[in-house]
Amino acid sequence: MSQVLEEQRVPAANPTHSSVRDEFNEFSYSPVPIVAVTGIILTLLGSMALFLWIALPIALLGALVSLLALITIRRSDGAYSGTLVSTLSLLLACSFIVGGLAYQVYLYKTETPEGYQRISFYRDLSEKGIVETPYSVMAHKDVAALDGQKVFLKGFIYPTEKMTGLNKFLLLKDNGQCCFGGKPKLEDRIGVELKGFTFDHTYNKVSLAGTFHLNKNYHGGEGLEPLFLLEADKCTLSASDF
């Protein structure tokens, strides 16, 4: 009889402790998917798009991956977390894209000096080509029309033995031949003479403003004598990438 009473006096388990234990068992951690982390990293790298156009594809990729991360998280039924972070990453990537494009457009619109006509080395000179006859080499009629005009254009300095204090150099349409050697085509090079100043060699793109001329004394041959000439009033590193 006493044994039965003692069993009845055993206190019940503490309901508070039981509740805490149940909640602890129900707690589960929701991981952030790898795609979300990748989107954040790409977006941070894409911040360079604000100043460098070549980083725009990285920012665009960051936006796409962050969007994919949001879709993955929302379709996971709570298995993944990170909605806020991926949303912020997406918004930042988009702002870097818009800001970078706007900055490049602004530079492009404002970098041409007043009184000079912007021309493209590619479209207005190189792609026009030259006219060869059995007796002479002539510039295309559209290029000849630029003779004596004040122009603004961009290109790359052809490397020579002298790398500093240049007052004359060849300007090329791209940096392929600058970096890997070879003889640039006649329509792909301009003989530049700086008027009253010098400039150091660089492998970056440069902008020049000056008076365009045709070389009336062009003799041809195997050298690098240019058919196109430029008396440059200004020479600077290119502000925009276009």
C-alpha atoms as a PDB file:
ATOM      1  CA  MET A   1       0.000   0.000   0.000  1.00  0.00           C
ATOM      2  CA  SER A   2       2.771   2.423   0.914  1.00  0.00           C
ATOM      3  CA  GLN A   3       4.549   1.570  -2.315  1.00  0.00           C
ATOM      4  CA  VAL A   4       1.490   2.622  -4.316  1.00  0.00           C
ATOM      5  CA  LEU A   5       1.275   5.927  -2.440  1.00  0.00           C
ATOM      6  CA  GLU A   6       4.945   6.643  -3.036  1.00  0.00           C
ATOM      7  CA  GLU A   7       4.471   6.051  -6.771  1.00  0.00           C
ATOM      8  CA  GLN A   8       1.536   8.470  -6.736  1.00  0.00           C
ATOM      9  CA  ARG A   9       3.661  11.154  -5.039  1.00  0.00           C
ATOM     10  CA  VAL A  10       6.290  11.211  -7.847  1.00  0.00           C
ATOM     11  CA  PRO A  11       6.115  14.753  -9.299  1.00  0.00           C
ATOM     12  CA  ALA A  12       5.179  15.180 -12.914  1.00  0.00           C
ATOM     13  CA  ALA A  13       7.825  16.365 -15.344  1.00  0.00           C
ATOM     14  CA  ASN A  14       8.257  20.140 -15.522  1.00  0.00           C
ATOM     15  CA  PRO A  15       6.096  21.307 -18.451  1.00  0.00           C
ATOM     16  CA  THR A  16       8.338  24.307 -19.027  1.00  0.00           C
ATOM     17  CA  HIS A  17      11.435  22.166 -19.535  1.00  0.00           C
ATOM     18  CA  SER A  18       9.510  19.890 -21.859  1.00  0.00           C
ATOM     19  CA  SER A  19       8.316  22.833 -23.967  1.00  0.00           C
ATOM     20  CA  VAL A  20      11.832  24.229 -24.339  1.00  0.00           C
ATOM     21  CA  ARG A  21      13.135  20.811 -25.318  1.00  0.00           C
ATOM     22  CA  ASP A  22      10.406  20.434 -27.949  1.00  0.00           C
ATOM     23  CA  GLU A  23      11.121  23.856 -29.411  1.00  0.00           C
ATOM     24  CA  PHE A  24      14.836  23.089 -29.541  1.00  0.00           C
ATOM     25  CA  ASN A  25      14.123  19.865 -31.396  1.00  0.00           C
ATOM     26  CA  GLU A  26      11.944  21.723 -33.878  1.00  0.00           C
ATOM     27  CA  PHE A  27      14.597  24.420 -34.548  1.00  0.00           C
ATOM     28  CA  SER A  28      16.416  23.962 -37.838  1.00  0.00           C
ATOM     29  CA  TYR A  29      18.997  26.129 -39.667  1.00  0.00           C
ATOM     30  CA  SER A  30      18.182  27.247 -43.228  1.00  0.00           C
ATOM     31  CA  PRO A  31      21.389  27.553 -45.249  1.00  0.00           C
ATOM     32  CA  VAL A  32      22.071  30.190 -47.899  1.00  0.00           C
ATOM     33  CA  PRO A  33      22.439  28.565 -51.342  1.00  0.00           C
ATOM     34  CA  ILE A  34      25.789  28.700 -53.108  1.00  0.00           C
ATOM     35  CA  VAL A  35      24.204  30.537 -56.020  1.00  0.00           C
ATOM     36  CA  ALA A  36      23.322  33.421 -53.681  1.00  0.00           C
ATOM     37  CA  VAL A  37      26.889  33.681 -52.406  1.00  0.00           C
ATOM     38  CA  THR A  38      28.160  33.601 -55.995  1.00  0.00           C
ATOM     39  CA  GLY A  39      25.779  36.415 -56.913  1.00  0.00           C
ATOM     40  CA  ILE A  40      27.072  38.582 -54.052  1.00  0.00           C
ATOM     41  CA  ILE A  41      30.703  38.038 -55.082  1.00  0.00           C
ATOM     42  CA  LEU A  42      29.984  38.863 -58.735  1.00  0.00           C
ATOM     43  CA  THR A  43      28.066  41.978 -57.734  1.00  0.00           C
ATOM     44  CA  LEU A  44      30.940  43.231 -55.587  1.00  0.00           C
ATOM     45  CA  LEU A  45      33.356  42.674 -58.468  1.00  0.00           C
ATOM     46  CA  GLY A  46      30.862  44.343 -60.794  1.00  0.00           C
ATOM     47  CA  SER A  47      31.112  47.567 -58.789  1.00  0.00           C
ATOM     48  CA  MET A  48      34.133  48.346 -60.987  1.00  0.00           C
ATOM     49  CA  ALA A  49      31.631  48.924 -63.800  1.00  0.00           C
ATOM     50  CA  LEU A  50      31.096  52.404 -62.376  1.00  0.00           C
ATOM     51  CA  PHE A  51      34.510  53.330 -63.805  1.00  0.00           C
ATOM     52  CA  LEU A  52      35.515  50.551 -66.232  1.00  0.00           C
ATOM     53  CA  TRP A  53      33.213  49.466 -69.041  1.00  0.00           C
ATOM     54  CA  ILE A  54      34.906  46.060 -69.242  1.00  0.00           C
ATOM     55  CA  ALA A  55      33.422  45.289 -65.811  1.00  0.00           C
ATOM     56  CA  LEU A  56      29.852  45.793 -67.062  1.00  0.00           C
ATOM     57  CA  PRO A  57      29.472  42.118 -68.079  1.00  0.00           C
ATOM     58  CA  ILE A  58      30.515  41.104 -64.549  1.00  0.00           C
ATOM     59  CA  ALA A  59      27.838  43.353 -63.031  1.00  0.00           C
ATOM     60  CA  LEU A  60      25.279  41.955 -65.493  1.00  0.00           C
ATOM     61  CA  LEU A  61      26.261  38.408 -64.557  1.00  0.00           C
ATOM     62  CA  GLY A  62      25.956  39.348 -60.883  1.00  0.00           C
ATOM     63  CA  ALA A  63      22.401  40.569 -61.488  1.00  0.00           C
ATOM     64  CA  LEU A  64      21.420  37.384 -63.335  1.00  0.00           C
ATOM     65  CA  VAL A  65      22.929  35.073 -60.719  1.00  0.00           C
ATOM     66  CA  SER A  66      21.295  37.042 -57.879  1.00  0.00           C
ATOM     67  CA  LEU A  67      17.944  36.770 -59.660  1.00  0.00           C
ATOM     68  CA  LEU A  68      18.484  33.027 -60.031  1.00  0.00           C
ATOM     69  CA  ALA A  69      19.283  32.871 -56.310  1.00  0.00           C
ATOM     70  CA  LEU A  70      15.974  34.572 -55.453  1.00  0.00           C
ATOM     71  CA  ILE A  71      14.070  32.106 -57.616  1.00  0.00           C
ATOM     72  CA  THR A  72      15.897  29.193 -56.001  1.00  0.00           C
ATOM     73  CA  ILE A  73      15.175  30.439 -52.474  1.00  0.00           C
ATOM     74  CA  ARG A  74      11.477  31.061 -53.103  1.00  0.00           C
ATOM     75  CA  ARG A  75      11.006  27.633 -54.673  1.00  0.00           C
ATOM     76  CA  SER A  76      12.752  25.850 -51.792  1.00  0.00           C
ATOM     77  CA  ASP A  77       9.715  26.029 -49.417  1.00  0.00           C
ATOM     78  CA  GLY A  78      11.864  27.375 -46.602  1.00  0.00           C
ATOM     79  CA  ALA A  79      14.800  25.044 -47.116  1.00  0.00           C
ATOM     80  CA  TYR A  80      16.985  28.020 -48.060  1.00  0.00           C
ATOM     81  CA  SER A  81      17.337  31.506 -46.593  1.00  0.00           C
ATOM     82  CA  GLY A  82      18.953  34.664 -47.951  1.00  0.00           C
ATOM     83  CA  THR A  83      16.073  36.447 -49.681  1.00  0.00           C
ATOM     84  CA  LEU A  84      17.050  39.858 -48.309  1.00  0.00           C
ATOM     85  CA  VAL A  85      20.724  39.486 -49.203  1.00  0.00           C
ATOM     86  CA  SER A  86      20.003  38.287 -52.757  1.00  0.00           C
ATOM     87  CA  THR A  87      17.488  41.094 -53.291  1.00  0.00           C
ATOM     88  CA  LEU A  88      20.043  43.654 -52.169  1.00  0.00           C
ATOM     89  CA  SER A  89      22.671  42.059 -54.411  1.00  0.00           C
ATOM     90  CA  LEU A  90      20.315  42.240 -57.395  1.00  0.00           C
ATOM     91  CA  LEU A  91      19.500  45.903 -56.780  1.00  0.00           C
ATOM     92  CA  LEU A  92      23.176  46.812 -56.365  1.00  0.00           C
ATOM     93  CA  ALA A  93      24.175  44.998 -59.552  1.00  0.00           C
ATOM     94  CA  CYS A  94      21.492  46.827 -61.514  1.00  0.00           C
ATOM     95  CA  SER A  95      22.616  50.170 -60.081  1.00  0.00           C
ATOM     96  CA  PHE A  96      26.222  49.423 -61.065  1.00  0.00           C
ATOM     97  CA  ILE A  97      25.122  48.638 -64.628  1.00  0.00           C
ATOM     98  CA  VAL A  98      23.017  51.787 -64.982  1.00  0.00           C
ATOM     99  CA  GLY A  99      25.618  53.968 -63.256  1.00  0.00           C
ATOM    100  CA  GLY A 100      28.479  52.574 -65.332  1.00  0.00           C
ATOM    101  CA  LEU A 101      26.662  53.100 -68.618  1.00  0.00           C
ATOM    102  CA  ALA A 102      25.627  56.620 -67.639  1.00  0.00           C
ATOM    103  CA  TYR A 103      29.208  57.491 -66.673  1.00  0.00           C
ATOM    104  CA  GLN A 104      30.616  56.244 -69.984  1.00  0.00           C
ATOM    105  CA  VAL A 105      27.969  58.166 -71.944  1.00  0.00           C
ATOM    106  CA  TYR A 106      28.773  61.334 -69.991  1.00  0.00           C
ATOM    107  CA  LEU A 107      32.502  60.987 -70.678  1.00  0.00           C
ATOM    108  CA  TYR A 108      31.871  60.286 -74.352  1.00  0.00           C
ATOM    109  CA  LYS A 109      29.673  63.367 -74.703  1.00  0.00           C
ATOM    110  CA  THR A 110      32.053  65.735 -72.934  1.00  0.00           C
ATOM    111  CA  GLU A 111      35.573  64.589 -73.896  1.00  0.00           C
ATOM    112  CA  THR A 112      35.712  66.088 -77.408  1.00  0.00           C
ATOM    113  CA  PRO A 113      37.374  69.528 -77.212  1.00  0.00           C
ATOM    114  CA  GLU A 114      35.399  72.445 -78.552  1.00  0.00           C
ATOM    115  CA  GLY A 115      36.150  73.176 -82.194  1.00  0.00           C
ATOM    116  CA  TYR A 116      37.203  69.606 -83.057  1.00  0.00           C
ATOM    117  CA  GLN A 117      35.300  66.955 -84.979  1.00  0.00           C
ATOM    118  CA  ARG A 118      35.206  63.480 -83.464  1.00  0.00           C
ATOM    119  CA  ILE A 119      36.196  60.784 -85.938  1.00  0.00           C
ATOM    120  CA  SER A 120      36.621  57.055 -85.524  1.00  0.00           C
ATOM    121  CA  PHE A 121      39.950  55.505 -86.417  1.00  0.00           C
ATOM    122  CA  TYR A 122      38.060  52.342 -87.370  1.00  0.00           C
ATOM    123  CA  ARG A 123      35.099  53.642 -89.358  1.00  0.00           C
ATOM    124  CA  ASP A 124      36.413  56.909 -90.802  1.00  0.00           C
ATOM    125  CA  LEU A 125      40.000  55.915 -91.632  1.00  0.00           C
ATOM    126  CA  SER A 126      40.871  52.224 -91.462  1.00  0.00           C
ATOM    127  CA  GLU A 127      37.655  50.783 -92.913  1.00  0.00           C
ATOM    128  CA  LYS A 128      37.657  53.318 -95.757  1.00  0.00           C
ATOM    129  CA  GLY A 129      40.952  51.864 -96.834  1.00  0.00           C
ATOM    130  CA  ILE A 130      43.234  53.260 -99.504  1.00  0.00           C
ATOM    131  CA  VAL A 131      43.177  53.384-103.283  1.00  0.00           C
ATOM    132  CA  GLU A 132      46.134  51.779-104.979  1.00  0.00           C
ATOM    133  CA  THR A 133      47.039  52.270-108.612  1.00  0.00           C
ATOM    134  CA  PRO A 134      50.043  50.949-110.540  1.00  0.00           C
ATOM    135  CA  TYR A 135      51.721  54.311-110.018  1.00  0.00           C
ATOM    136  CA  SER A 136      50.527  55.650-106.670  1.00  0.00           C
ATOM    137  CA  VAL A 137      48.718  55.112-103.404  1.00  0.00           C
ATOM    138  CA  MET A 138      45.917  57.488-102.506  1.00  0.00           C
ATOM    139  CA  ALA A 139      43.561  57.945 -99.607  1.00  0.00           C
ATOM    140  CA  HIS A 140      39.873  57.186 -99.965  1.00  0.00           C
ATOM    141  CA  LYS A 141      37.890  60.247-101.057  1.00  0.00           C
ATOM    142  CA  ASP A 142      36.135  60.458 -97.683  1.00  0.00           C
ATOM    143  CA  VAL A 143      39.494  60.448 -95.891  1.00  0.00           C
ATOM    144  CA  ALA A 144      40.894  63.016 -98.319  1.00  0.00           C
ATOM    145  CA  ALA A 145      37.981  65.282 -97.380  1.00  0.00           C
ATOM    146  CA  LEU A 146      39.365  65.426 -93.819  1.00  0.00           C
ATOM    147  CA  ASP A 147      42.637  66.994 -94.963  1.00  0.00           C
ATOM    148  CA  GLY A 148      43.127  70.234 -93.027  1.00  0.00           C
ATOM    149  CA  GLN A 149      40.254  69.538 -90.611  1.00  0.00           C
ATOM    150  CA  LYS A 150      40.531  69.726 -86.829  1.00  0.00           C
ATOM    151  CA  VAL A 151      39.747  66.250 -85.557  1.00  0.00           C
ATOM    152  CA  PHE A 152      39.552  64.296 -82.312  1.00  0.00           C
ATOM    153  CA  LEU A 153      40.329  60.575 -82.385  1.00  0.00           C
ATOM    154  CA  LYS A 154      41.734  57.727 -80.333  1.00  0.00           C
ATOM    155  CA  GLY A 155      44.326  55.036 -80.785  1.00  0.00           C
ATOM    156  CA  PHE A 156      47.402  53.338 -79.387  1.00  0.00           C
ATOM    157  CA  ILE A 157      51.030  54.464 -79.497  1.00  0.00           C
ATOM    158  CA  TYR A 158      53.314  52.181 -81.490  1.00  0.00           C
ATOM    159  CA  PRO A 159      56.296  51.282 -79.278  1.00  0.00           C
ATOM    160  CA  THR A 160      59.764  52.382 -80.303  1.00  0.00           C
ATOM    161  CA  GLU A 161      63.175  52.327 -78.625  1.00  0.00           C
ATOM    162  CA  LYS A 162      62.372  55.653 -77.009  1.00  0.00           C
ATOM    163  CA  MET A 163      59.654  55.378 -74.367  1.00  0.00           C
ATOM    164  CA  THR A 164      59.638  58.824 -72.734  1.00  0.00           C
ATOM    165  CA  GLY A 165      59.620  62.397 -73.971  1.00  0.00           C
ATOM    166  CA  LEU A 166      58.039  61.553 -77.324  1.00  0.00           C
ATOM    167  CA  ASN A 167      57.298  64.431 -79.680  1.00  0.00           C
ATOM    168  CA  LYS A 168      56.633  62.148 -82.670  1.00  0.00           C
ATOM    169  CA  PHE A 169      55.153  58.663 -82.876  1.00  0.00           C
ATOM    170  CA  LEU A 170      52.916  56.354 -84.868  1.00  0.00           C
ATOM    171  CA  LEU A 171      49.311  56.026 -83.723  1.00  0.00           C
ATOM    172  CA  LEU A 172      47.610  52.667 -84.408  1.00  0.00           C
ATOM    173  CA  LYS A 173      43.921  51.807 -84.490  1.00  0.00           C
ATOM    174  CA  ASP A 174      44.253  49.002 -81.911  1.00  0.00           C
ATOM    175  CA  ASN A 175      46.763  47.581 -79.482  1.00  0.00           C
ATOM    176  CA  GLY A 176      47.124  44.189 -81.179  1.00  0.00           C
ATOM    177  CA  GLN A 177      50.207  45.205 -83.123  1.00  0.00           C
ATOM    178  CA  CYS A 178      51.456  47.311 -80.211  1.00  0.00           C
ATOM    179  CA  CYS A 179      51.552  44.292 -77.931  1.00  0.00           C
ATOM    180  CA  PHE A 180      52.355  41.481 -80.339  1.00  0.00           C
ATOM    181  CA  GLY A 181      54.514  43.179 -82.931  1.00  0.00           C
ATOM    182  CA  GLY A 182      54.107  43.115 -86.681  1.00  0.00           C
ATOM    183  CA  LYS A 183      53.917  45.824 -89.286  1.00  0.00           C
ATOM    184  CA  PRO A 184      50.674  47.826 -89.150  1.00  0.00           C
ATOM    185  CA  LYS A 185      48.871  48.364 -92.438  1.00  0.00           C
ATOM    186  CA  LEU A 186      49.082  51.728 -94.131  1.00  0.00           C
ATOM    187  CA  GLU A 187      45.449  52.559 -93.351  1.00  0.00           C
ATOM    188  CA  ASP A 188      45.918  51.486 -89.717  1.00  0.00           C
ATOM    189  CA  ARG A 189      48.630  54.000 -88.780  1.00  0.00           C
ATOM    190  CA  ILE A 190      48.904  57.762 -88.406  1.00  0.00           C
ATOM    191  CA  GLY A 191      52.082  59.763 -88.077  1.00  0.00           C
ATOM    192  CA  VAL A 192      51.632  62.090 -85.078  1.00  0.00           C
ATOM    193  CA  GLU A 193      53.660  65.204 -84.310  1.00  0.00           C
ATOM    194  CA  LEU A 194      53.034  66.892 -80.973  1.00  0.00           C
ATOM    195  CA  LYS A 195      53.073  70.675 -81.174  1.00  0.00           C
ATOM    196  CA  GLY A 196      55.055  72.193 -78.298  1.00  0.00           C
ATOM    197  CA  PHE A 197      54.857  69.313 -75.814  1.00  0.00           C
ATOM    198  CA  THR A 198      55.934  65.716 -75.294  1.00  0.00           C
ATOM    199  CA  PHE A 199      54.221  62.534 -74.140  1.00  0.00           C
ATOM    200  CA  ASP A 200      55.446  59.256 -72.633  1.00  0.00           C
ATOM    201  CA  HIS A 201      54.675  55.904 -74.189  1.00  0.00           C
ATOM    202  CA  THR A 202      51.754  53.968 -72.729  1.00  0.00           C
ATOM    203  CA  TYR A 203      49.929  50.782 -73.682  1.00  0.00           C
ATOM    204  CA  ASN A 204      46.623  52.407 -72.755  1.00  0.00           C
ATOM    205  CA  LYS A 205      44.377  54.087 -75.299  1.00  0.00           C
ATOM    206  CA  VAL A 206      45.128  57.763 -75.898  1.00  0.00           C
ATOM    207  CA  SER A 207      43.005  60.634 -77.189  1.00  0.00           C
ATOM    208  CA  LEU A 208      44.391  63.224 -79.568  1.00  0.00           C
ATOM    209  CA  ALA A 209      43.064  66.509 -80.879  1.00  0.00           C
ATOM    210  CA  GLY A 210      44.763  68.196 -83.803  1.00  0.00           C
ATOM    211  CA  THR A 211      44.789  68.951 -87.511  1.00  0.00           C
ATOM    212  CA  PHE A 212      44.569  66.013 -89.906  1.00  0.00           C
ATOM    213  CA  HIS A 213      46.693  65.975 -93.076  1.00  0.00           C
ATOM    214  CA  LEU A 214      47.570  63.670 -95.905  1.00  0.00           C
ATOM    215  CA  ASN A 215      51.232  63.009 -96.518  1.00  0.00           C
ATOM    216  CA  LYS A 216      51.796  64.701 -99.877  1.00  0.00           C
ATOM    217  CA  ASN A 217      55.362  63.367 -99.972  1.00  0.00           C
ATOM    218  CA  TYR A 218      54.522  59.739 -99.332  1.00  0.00           C
ATOM    219  CA  HIS A 219      57.000  57.423-101.071  1.00  0.00           C
ATOM    220  CA  GLY A 220      55.873  54.007 -99.850  1.00  0.00           C
ATOM    221  CA  GLY A 221      58.417  51.238 -99.552  1.00  0.00           C
ATOM    222  CA  GLU A 222      59.054  48.725 -96.791  1.00  0.00           C
ATOM    223  CA  GLY A 223      59.214  51.151 -93.855  1.00  0.00           C
ATOM    224  CA  LEU A 224      56.530  52.573 -91.609  1.00  0.00           C
ATOM    225  CA  GLU A 225      56.099  55.872 -93.433  1.00  0.00           C
ATOM    226  CA  PRO A 226      52.510  57.029 -92.812  1.00  0.00           C
ATOM    227  CA  LEU A 227      50.056  58.294 -95.394  1.00  0.00           C
ATOM    228  CA  PHE A 228      47.952  59.963 -92.692  1.00  0.00           C
ATOM    229  CA  LEU A 229      49.405  62.713 -90.507  1.00  0.00           C
ATOM    230  CA  LEU A 230      48.203  64.550 -87.412  1.00  0.00           C
ATOM    231  CA  GLU A 231      49.566  67.763 -85.933  1.00  0.00           C
ATOM    232  CA  ALA A 232      48.394  67.222 -82.379  1.00  0.00           C
ATOM    233  CA  ASP A 233      47.458  70.090 -80.070  1.00  0.00           C
ATOM    234  CA  LYS A 234      46.483  67.732 -77.234  1.00  0.00           C
ATOM    235  CA  CYS A 235      47.338  64.178 -76.230  1.00  0.00           C
ATOM    236  CA  THR A 236      45.925  62.555 -73.097  1.00  0.00           C
ATOM    237  CA  LEU A 237      44.900  59.159 -71.803  1.00  0.00           C
ATOM    238  CA  SER A 238      41.448  58.361 -73.088  1.00  0.00           C
ATOM    239  CA  ALA A 239      38.727  59.424 -70.651  1.00  0.00           C
ATOM    240  CA  SER A 240      36.069  57.017 -71.973  1.00  0.00           C
ATOM    241  CA  ASP A 241      36.564  53.523 -73.291  1.00  0.00           C
ATOM    242  CA  PHE A 242      34.771  54.251 -76.576  1.00  0.00           C
END
